Amino acid sequence: MAFVITSACQNEKAATCLAACPVDCIVLAGTQYVIDPDVCIDCGACETVCPVEAIYPQEELPADELGAIDLARNYFKP
């Protein structure tokens, strides 16, 4: 998983990340957006436009946001 959207995105509907993503790997999953880890190409375009700074490279994810990884993986689980 390259990038992860954290809880700071909850109820944020600006969706600037959607327009910035060149591979359309971001979808709304209930109250926040999530990134499909199998489609993300690690370009970082979404991170730079996020108005609430909710998007992190996985290796820089704050410890209290590790659940965001599971949220994304479980959402896209077949």
PDB file of N, CA and C in Angstrom:
ATOM      1  N   MET A   1       0.853  -1.180   0.000  1.00  0.00           N
ATOM      2  CA  MET A   1       0.000   0.000   0.000  1.00  0.00           C
ATOM      3  C   MET A   1       0.892   1.234   0.000  1.00  0.00           C
ATOM      4  N   ALA A   2       0.703   2.091  -0.944  1.00  0.00           N
ATOM      5  CA  ALA A   2       1.558   3.264  -1.082  1.00  0.00           C
ATOM      6  C   ALA A   2       1.088   4.430  -0.215  1.00  0.00           C
ATOM      7  N   PHE A   3      -0.149   4.867  -0.398  1.00  0.00           N
ATOM      8  CA  PHE A   3      -0.691   5.982   0.363  1.00  0.00           C
ATOM      9  C   PHE A   3      -1.935   5.539   1.109  1.00  0.00           C
ATOM     10  N   VAL A   4      -2.192   6.199   2.255  1.00  0.00           N
ATOM     11  CA  VAL A   4      -3.304   5.840   3.118  1.00  0.00           C
ATOM     12  C   VAL A   4      -4.041   7.120   3.496  1.00  0.00           C
ATOM     13  N   ILE A   5      -5.362   7.078   3.479  1.00  0.00           N
ATOM     14  CA  ILE A   5      -6.173   8.211   3.912  1.00  0.00           C
ATOM     15  C   ILE A   5      -6.604   7.950   5.349  1.00  0.00           C
ATOM     16  N   THR A   6      -6.344   8.914   6.225  1.00  0.00           N
ATOM     17  CA  THR A   6      -6.585   8.757   7.655  1.00  0.00           C
ATOM     18  C   THR A   6      -7.932   9.339   8.083  1.00  0.00           C
ATOM     19  N   SER A   7      -8.209   9.241   9.365  1.00  0.00           N
ATOM     20  CA  SER A   7      -9.478   9.683   9.933  1.00  0.00           C
ATOM     21  C   SER A   7      -9.715  11.183   9.797  1.00  0.00           C
ATOM     22  N   ALA A   8      -8.697  11.965   9.527  1.00  0.00           N
ATOM     23  CA  ALA A   8      -8.897  13.408   9.306  1.00  0.00           C
ATOM     24  C   ALA A   8      -9.818  13.653   8.114  1.00  0.00           C
ATOM     25  N   CYS A   9      -9.991  12.650   7.290  1.00  0.00           N
ATOM     26  CA  CYS A   9     -10.848  12.752   6.113  1.00  0.00           C
ATOM     27  C   CYS A   9     -12.322  12.499   6.446  1.00  0.00           C
ATOM     28  N   GLN A  10     -12.611  11.985   7.602  1.00  0.00           N
ATOM     29  CA  GLN A  10     -13.996  11.657   7.927  1.00  0.00           C
ATOM     30  C   GLN A  10     -14.881  12.882   7.768  1.00  0.00           C
ATOM     31  N   ASN A  11     -15.939  12.697   7.036  1.00  0.00           N
ATOM     32  CA  ASN A  11     -16.929  13.732   6.752  1.00  0.00           C
ATOM     33  C   ASN A  11     -16.390  14.885   5.911  1.00  0.00           C
ATOM     34  N   GLU A  12     -15.208  14.753   5.363  1.00  0.00           N
ATOM     35  CA  GLU A  12     -14.638  15.755   4.447  1.00  0.00           C
ATOM     36  C   GLU A  12     -15.071  15.375   3.036  1.00  0.00           C
ATOM     37  N   LYS A  13     -15.717  16.259   2.364  1.00  0.00           N
ATOM     38  CA  LYS A  13     -16.251  15.918   1.050  1.00  0.00           C
ATOM     39  C   LYS A  13     -15.712  16.825  -0.058  1.00  0.00           C
ATOM     40  N   ALA A  14     -14.578  17.478   0.157  1.00  0.00           N
ATOM     41  CA  ALA A  14     -13.993  18.332  -0.872  1.00  0.00           C
ATOM     42  C   ALA A  14     -13.635  17.506  -2.104  1.00  0.00           C
ATOM     43  N   ALA A  15     -13.130  16.306  -1.895  1.00  0.00           N
ATOM     44  CA  ALA A  15     -12.831  15.344  -2.966  1.00  0.00           C
ATOM     45  C   ALA A  15     -11.789  15.834  -3.968  1.00  0.00           C
ATOM     46  N   THR A  16     -10.919  16.722  -3.566  1.00  0.00           N
ATOM     47  CA  THR A  16      -9.865  17.170  -4.474  1.00  0.00           C
ATOM     48  C   THR A  16      -8.924  16.035  -4.822  1.00  0.00           C
ATOM     49  N   CYS A  17      -8.822  15.053  -3.948  1.00  0.00           N
ATOM     50  CA  CYS A  17      -7.968  13.897  -4.209  1.00  0.00           C
ATOM     51  C   CYS A  17      -8.478  13.089  -5.398  1.00  0.00           C
ATOM     52  N   LEU A  18      -9.787  13.019  -5.562  1.00  0.00           N
ATOM     53  CA  LEU A  18     -10.364  12.252  -6.671  1.00  0.00           C
ATOM     54  C   LEU A  18      -9.928  12.825  -8.011  1.00  0.00           C
ATOM     55  N   ALA A  19      -9.988  14.118  -8.129  1.00  0.00           N
ATOM     56  CA  ALA A  19      -9.612  14.766  -9.385  1.00  0.00           C
ATOM     57  C   ALA A  19      -8.115  14.653  -9.652  1.00  0.00           C
ATOM     58  N   ALA A  20      -7.322  14.605  -8.604  1.00  0.00           N
ATOM     59  CA  ALA A  20      -5.866  14.564  -8.756  1.00  0.00           C
ATOM     60  C   ALA A  20      -5.336  13.175  -9.079  1.00  0.00           C
ATOM     61  N   CYS A  21      -6.077  12.138  -8.719  1.00  0.00           N
ATOM     62  CA  CYS A  21      -5.588  10.770  -8.897  1.00  0.00           C
ATOM     63  C   CYS A  21      -5.625  10.340 -10.365  1.00  0.00           C
ATOM     64  N   PRO A  22      -4.473  10.007 -10.949  1.00  0.00           N
ATOM     65  CA  PRO A  22      -4.444   9.630 -12.363  1.00  0.00           C
ATOM     66  C   PRO A  22      -4.950   8.219 -12.645  1.00  0.00           C
ATOM     67  N   VAL A  23      -5.121   7.400 -11.604  1.00  0.00           N
ATOM     68  CA  VAL A  23      -5.561   6.014 -11.834  1.00  0.00           C
ATOM     69  C   VAL A  23      -6.906   5.700 -11.178  1.00  0.00           C
ATOM     70  N   ASP A  24      -7.583   6.707 -10.680  1.00  0.00           N
ATOM     71  CA  ASP A  24      -8.914   6.538 -10.077  1.00  0.00           C
ATOM     72  C   ASP A  24      -8.950   5.446  -9.010  1.00  0.00           C
ATOM     73  N   CYS A  25      -8.012   5.506  -8.075  1.00  0.00           N
ATOM     74  CA  CYS A  25      -7.957   4.472  -7.028  1.00  0.00           C
ATOM     75  C   CYS A  25      -8.597   4.920  -5.715  1.00  0.00           C
ATOM     76  N   ILE A  26      -9.215   6.091  -5.691  1.00  0.00           N
ATOM     77  CA  ILE A  26      -9.819   6.628  -4.470  1.00  0.00           C
ATOM     78  C   ILE A  26     -11.329   6.581  -4.600  1.00  0.00           C
ATOM     79  N   VAL A  27     -11.987   6.035  -3.564  1.00  0.00           N
ATOM     80  CA  VAL A  27     -13.453   5.951  -3.549  1.00  0.00           C
ATOM     81  C   VAL A  27     -13.972   6.340  -2.173  1.00  0.00           C
ATOM     82  N   LEU A  28     -15.226   6.744  -2.148  1.00  0.00           N
ATOM     83  CA  LEU A  28     -15.879   7.067  -0.884  1.00  0.00           C
ATOM     84  C   LEU A  28     -16.345   5.774  -0.234  1.00  0.00           C
ATOM     85  N   ALA A  29     -15.907   5.565   1.003  1.00  0.00           N
ATOM     86  CA  ALA A  29     -16.275   4.357   1.761  1.00  0.00           C
ATOM     87  C   ALA A  29     -16.991   4.793   3.029  1.00  0.00           C
ATOM     88  N   GLY A  30     -18.251   5.045   2.914  1.00  0.00           N
ATOM     89  CA  GLY A  30     -19.009   5.506   4.068  1.00  0.00           C
ATOM     90  C   GLY A  30     -18.741   6.973   4.368  1.00  0.00           C
ATOM     91  N   THR A  31     -18.022   7.244   5.453  1.00  0.00           N
ATOM     92  CA  THR A  31     -17.794   8.625   5.876  1.00  0.00           C
ATOM     93  C   THR A  31     -16.455   9.207   5.445  1.00  0.00           C
ATOM     94  N   GLN A  32     -15.630   8.414   4.786  1.00  0.00           N
ATOM     95  CA  GLN A  32     -14.353   8.958   4.320  1.00  0.00           C
ATOM     96  C   GLN A  32     -13.906   8.254   3.052  1.00  0.00           C
ATOM     97  N   TYR A  33     -12.951   8.864   2.396  1.00  0.00           N
ATOM     98  CA  TYR A  33     -12.382   8.276   1.186  1.00  0.00           C
ATOM     99  C   TYR A  33     -11.294   7.272   1.556  1.00  0.00           C
ATOM    100  N   VAL A  34     -11.107   6.274   0.698  1.00  0.00           N
ATOM    101  CA  VAL A  34     -10.058   5.273   0.879  1.00  0.00           C
ATOM    102  C   VAL A  34      -9.352   5.052  -0.452  1.00  0.00           C
ATOM    103  N   ILE A  35      -8.117   4.597  -0.362  1.00  0.00           N
ATOM    104  CA  ILE A  35      -7.303   4.337  -1.546  1.00  0.00           C
ATOM    105  C   ILE A  35      -7.184   2.836  -1.752  1.00  0.00           C
ATOM    106  N   ASP A  36      -7.463   2.394  -2.965  1.00  0.00           N
ATOM    107  CA  ASP A  36      -7.317   0.978  -3.296  1.00  0.00           C
ATOM    108  C   ASP A  36      -5.820   0.662  -3.366  1.00  0.00           C
ATOM    109  N   PRO A  37      -5.324  -0.150  -2.440  1.00  0.00           N
ATOM    110  CA  PRO A  37      -3.884  -0.423  -2.393  1.00  0.00           C
ATOM    111  C   PRO A  37      -3.363  -1.196  -3.598  1.00  0.00           C
ATOM    112  N   ASP A  38      -4.244  -1.881  -4.309  1.00  0.00           N
ATOM    113  CA  ASP A  38      -3.816  -2.648  -5.476  1.00  0.00           C
ATOM    114  C   ASP A  38      -3.763  -1.812  -6.752  1.00  0.00           C
ATOM    115  N   VAL A  39      -4.339  -0.623  -6.711  1.00  0.00           N
ATOM    116  CA  VAL A  39      -4.388   0.227  -7.892  1.00  0.00           C
ATOM    117  C   VAL A  39      -3.463   1.440  -7.760  1.00  0.00           C
ATOM    118  N   CYS A  40      -3.255   1.909  -6.540  1.00  0.00           N
ATOM    119  CA  CYS A  40      -2.419   3.094  -6.301  1.00  0.00           C
ATOM    120  C   CYS A  40      -1.020   2.907  -6.905  1.00  0.00           C
ATOM    121  N   ILE A  41      -0.556   3.936  -7.614  1.00  0.00           N
ATOM    122  CA  ILE A  41       0.763   3.860  -8.261  1.00  0.00           C
ATOM    123  C   ILE A  41       1.826   4.659  -7.501  1.00  0.00           C
ATOM    124  N   ASP A  42       1.489   5.118  -6.300  1.00  0.00           N
ATOM    125  CA  ASP A  42       2.454   5.799  -5.430  1.00  0.00           C
ATOM    126  C   ASP A  42       2.959   7.116  -6.031  1.00  0.00           C
ATOM    127  N   CYS A  43       2.078   7.846  -6.721  1.00  0.00           N
ATOM    128  CA  CYS A  43       2.510   9.096  -7.367  1.00  0.00           C
ATOM    129  C   CYS A  43       2.495  10.286  -6.412  1.00  0.00           C
ATOM    130  N   GLY A  44       1.652  10.230  -5.373  1.00  0.00           N
ATOM    131  CA  GLY A  44       1.597  11.308  -4.395  1.00  0.00           C
ATOM    132  C   GLY A  44       0.728  12.486  -4.787  1.00  0.00           C
ATOM    133  N   ALA A  45       0.063  12.423  -5.927  1.00  0.00           N
ATOM    134  CA  ALA A  45      -0.765  13.543  -6.376  1.00  0.00           C
ATOM    135  C   ALA A  45      -1.881  13.855  -5.382  1.00  0.00           C
ATOM    136  N   CYS A  46      -2.467  12.844  -4.800  1.00  0.00           N
ATOM    137  CA  CYS A  46      -3.560  13.050  -3.851  1.00  0.00           C
ATOM    138  C   CYS A  46      -3.085  13.732  -2.564  1.00  0.00           C
ATOM    139  N   GLU A  47      -1.921  13.351  -2.113  1.00  0.00           N
ATOM    140  CA  GLU A  47      -1.387  13.892  -0.855  1.00  0.00           C
ATOM    141  C   GLU A  47      -1.213  15.408  -0.940  1.00  0.00           C
ATOM    142  N   THR A  48      -0.735  15.886  -2.054  1.00  0.00           N
ATOM    143  CA  THR A  48      -0.426  17.309  -2.178  1.00  0.00           C
ATOM    144  C   THR A  48      -1.662  18.197  -2.259  1.00  0.00           C
ATOM    145  N   VAL A  49      -2.814  17.643  -2.643  1.00  0.00           N
ATOM    146  CA  VAL A  49      -4.023  18.457  -2.786  1.00  0.00           C
ATOM    147  C   VAL A  49      -5.032  18.277  -1.656  1.00  0.00           C
ATOM    148  N   CYS A  50      -4.776  17.398  -0.723  1.00  0.00           N
ATOM    149  CA  CYS A  50      -5.730  17.125   0.362  1.00  0.00           C
ATOM    150  C   CYS A  50      -5.879  18.362   1.261  1.00  0.00           C
ATOM    151  N   PRO A  51      -7.098  18.921   1.348  1.00  0.00           N
ATOM    152  CA  PRO A  51      -7.295  20.139   2.138  1.00  0.00           C
ATOM    153  C   PRO A  51      -7.207  19.932   3.652  1.00  0.00           C
ATOM    154  N   VAL A  52      -7.324  18.677   4.106  1.00  0.00           N
ATOM    155  CA  VAL A  52      -7.260  18.413   5.549  1.00  0.00           C
ATOM    156  C   VAL A  52      -6.012  17.620   5.934  1.00  0.00           C
ATOM    157  N   GLU A  53      -5.089  17.467   4.991  1.00  0.00           N
ATOM    158  CA  GLU A  53      -3.825  16.758   5.226  1.00  0.00           C
ATOM    159  C   GLU A  53      -4.040  15.379   5.846  1.00  0.00           C
ATOM    160  N   ALA A  54      -4.963  14.636   5.246  1.00  0.00           N
ATOM    161  CA  ALA A  54      -5.329  13.311   5.746  1.00  0.00           C
ATOM    162  C   ALA A  54      -4.592  12.176   5.063  1.00  0.00           C
ATOM    163  N   ILE A  55      -3.793  12.467   4.044  1.00  0.00           N
ATOM    164  CA  ILE A  55      -3.167  11.417   3.238  1.00  0.00           C
ATOM    165  C   ILE A  55      -1.676  11.343   3.532  1.00  0.00           C
ATOM    166  N   TYR A  56      -1.226  10.121   3.826  1.00  0.00           N
ATOM    167  CA  TYR A  56       0.174   9.876   4.181  1.00  0.00           C
ATOM    168  C   TYR A  56       0.740   8.713   3.373  1.00  0.00           C
ATOM    169  N   PRO A  57       2.032   8.759   3.093  1.00  0.00           N
ATOM    170  CA  PRO A  57       2.682   7.533   2.614  1.00  0.00           C
ATOM    171  C   PRO A  57       2.589   6.508   3.755  1.00  0.00           C
ATOM    172  N   GLN A  58       2.392   5.266   3.434  1.00  0.00           N
ATOM    173  CA  GLN A  58       2.184   4.260   4.475  1.00  0.00           C
ATOM    174  C   GLN A  58       3.306   4.258   5.510  1.00  0.00           C
ATOM    175  N   GLU A  59       4.541   4.427   5.052  1.00  0.00           N
ATOM    176  CA  GLU A  59       5.663   4.376   5.990  1.00  0.00           C
ATOM    177  C   GLU A  59       5.731   5.585   6.919  1.00  0.00           C
ATOM    178  N   GLU A  60       4.952   6.639   6.648  1.00  0.00           N
ATOM    179  CA  GLU A  60       4.916   7.829   7.499  1.00  0.00           C
ATOM    180  C   GLU A  60       3.610   7.960   8.278  1.00  0.00           C
ATOM    181  N   LEU A  61       2.788   6.934   8.215  1.00  0.00           N
ATOM    182  CA  LEU A  61       1.491   6.953   8.873  1.00  0.00           C
ATOM    183  C   LEU A  61       1.662   7.059  10.392  1.00  0.00           C
ATOM    184  N   PRO A  62       0.984   8.029  11.038  1.00  0.00           N
ATOM    185  CA  PRO A  62       1.066   8.133  12.501  1.00  0.00           C
ATOM    186  C   PRO A  62       0.565   6.850  13.161  1.00  0.00           C
ATOM    187  N   ALA A  63       1.161   6.492  14.260  1.00  0.00           N
ATOM    188  CA  ALA A  63       0.823   5.240  14.949  1.00  0.00           C
ATOM    189  C   ALA A  63      -0.657   5.154  15.312  1.00  0.00           C
ATOM    190  N   ASP A  64      -1.262   6.278  15.653  1.00  0.00           N
ATOM    191  CA  ASP A  64      -2.674   6.249  16.044  1.00  0.00           C
ATOM    192  C   ASP A  64      -3.618   6.154  14.840  1.00  0.00           C
ATOM    193  N   GLU A  65      -3.067   6.075  13.629  1.00  0.00           N
ATOM    194  CA  GLU A  65      -3.871   5.967  12.412  1.00  0.00           C
ATOM    195  C   GLU A  65      -3.667   4.638  11.682  1.00  0.00           C
ATOM    196  N   LEU A  66      -3.021   3.675  12.315  1.00  0.00           N
ATOM    197  CA  LEU A  66      -2.748   2.396  11.660  1.00  0.00           C
ATOM    198  C   LEU A  66      -4.022   1.666  11.236  1.00  0.00           C
ATOM    199  N   GLY A  67      -5.121   1.941  11.891  1.00  0.00           N
ATOM    200  CA  GLY A  67      -6.396   1.330  11.528  1.00  0.00           C
ATOM    201  C   GLY A  67      -6.859   1.721  10.131  1.00  0.00           C
ATOM    202  N   ALA A  68      -6.340   2.825   9.600  1.00  0.00           N
ATOM    203  CA  ALA A  68      -6.698   3.269   8.255  1.00  0.00           C
ATOM    204  C   ALA A  68      -6.239   2.270   7.194  1.00  0.00           C
ATOM    205  N   ILE A  69      -5.158   1.568   7.477  1.00  0.00           N
ATOM    206  CA  ILE A  69      -4.671   0.542   6.550  1.00  0.00           C
ATOM    207  C   ILE A  69      -5.707  -0.580   6.446  1.00  0.00           C
ATOM    208  N   ASP A  70      -6.187  -1.033   7.586  1.00  0.00           N
ATOM    209  CA  ASP A  70      -7.192  -2.097   7.595  1.00  0.00           C
ATOM    210  C   ASP A  70      -8.493  -1.641   6.948  1.00  0.00           C
ATOM    211  N   LEU A  71      -8.866  -0.392   7.193  1.00  0.00           N
ATOM    212  CA  LEU A  71     -10.095   0.136   6.589  1.00  0.00           C
ATOM    213  C   LEU A  71     -10.027   0.024   5.072  1.00  0.00           C
ATOM    214  N   ALA A  72      -8.939   0.456   4.493  1.00  0.00           N
ATOM    215  CA  ALA A  72      -8.790   0.402   3.036  1.00  0.00           C
ATOM    216  C   ALA A  72      -8.711  -1.038   2.537  1.00  0.00           C
ATOM    217  N   ARG A  73      -7.909  -1.851   3.179  1.00  0.00           N
ATOM    218  CA  ARG A  73      -7.770  -3.251   2.727  1.00  0.00           C
ATOM    219  C   ARG A  73      -9.097  -3.991   2.808  1.00  0.00           C
ATOM    220  N   ASN A  74      -9.828  -3.786   3.909  1.00  0.00           N
ATOM    221  CA  ASN A  74     -11.092  -4.482   4.075  1.00  0.00           C
ATOM    222  C   ASN A  74     -12.147  -3.987   3.100  1.00  0.00           C
ATOM    223  N   TYR A  75     -12.112  -2.717   2.771  1.00  0.00           N
ATOM    224  CA  TYR A  75     -13.082  -2.169   1.830  1.00  0.00           C
ATOM    225  C   TYR A  75     -12.912  -2.798   0.446  1.00  0.00           C
ATOM    226  N   PHE A  76     -11.673  -2.992   0.049  1.00  0.00           N
ATOM    227  CA  PHE A  76     -11.408  -3.516  -1.292  1.00  0.00           C
ATOM    228  C   PHE A  76     -11.216  -5.036  -1.332  1.00  0.00           C
ATOM    229  N   LYS A  77     -11.383  -5.691  -0.194  1.00  0.00           N
ATOM    230  CA  LYS A  77     -11.262  -7.151  -0.155  1.00  0.00           C
ATOM    231  C   LYS A  77     -12.357  -7.782  -0.997  1.00  0.00           C
ATOM    232  N   PRO A  78     -11.996  -8.735  -1.843  1.00  0.00           N
ATOM    233  CA  PRO A  78     -13.018  -9.368  -2.705  1.00  0.00           C
ATOM    234  C   PRO A  78     -14.056 -10.138  -1.933  1.00  0.00           C
TER     235      PRO A  78
END
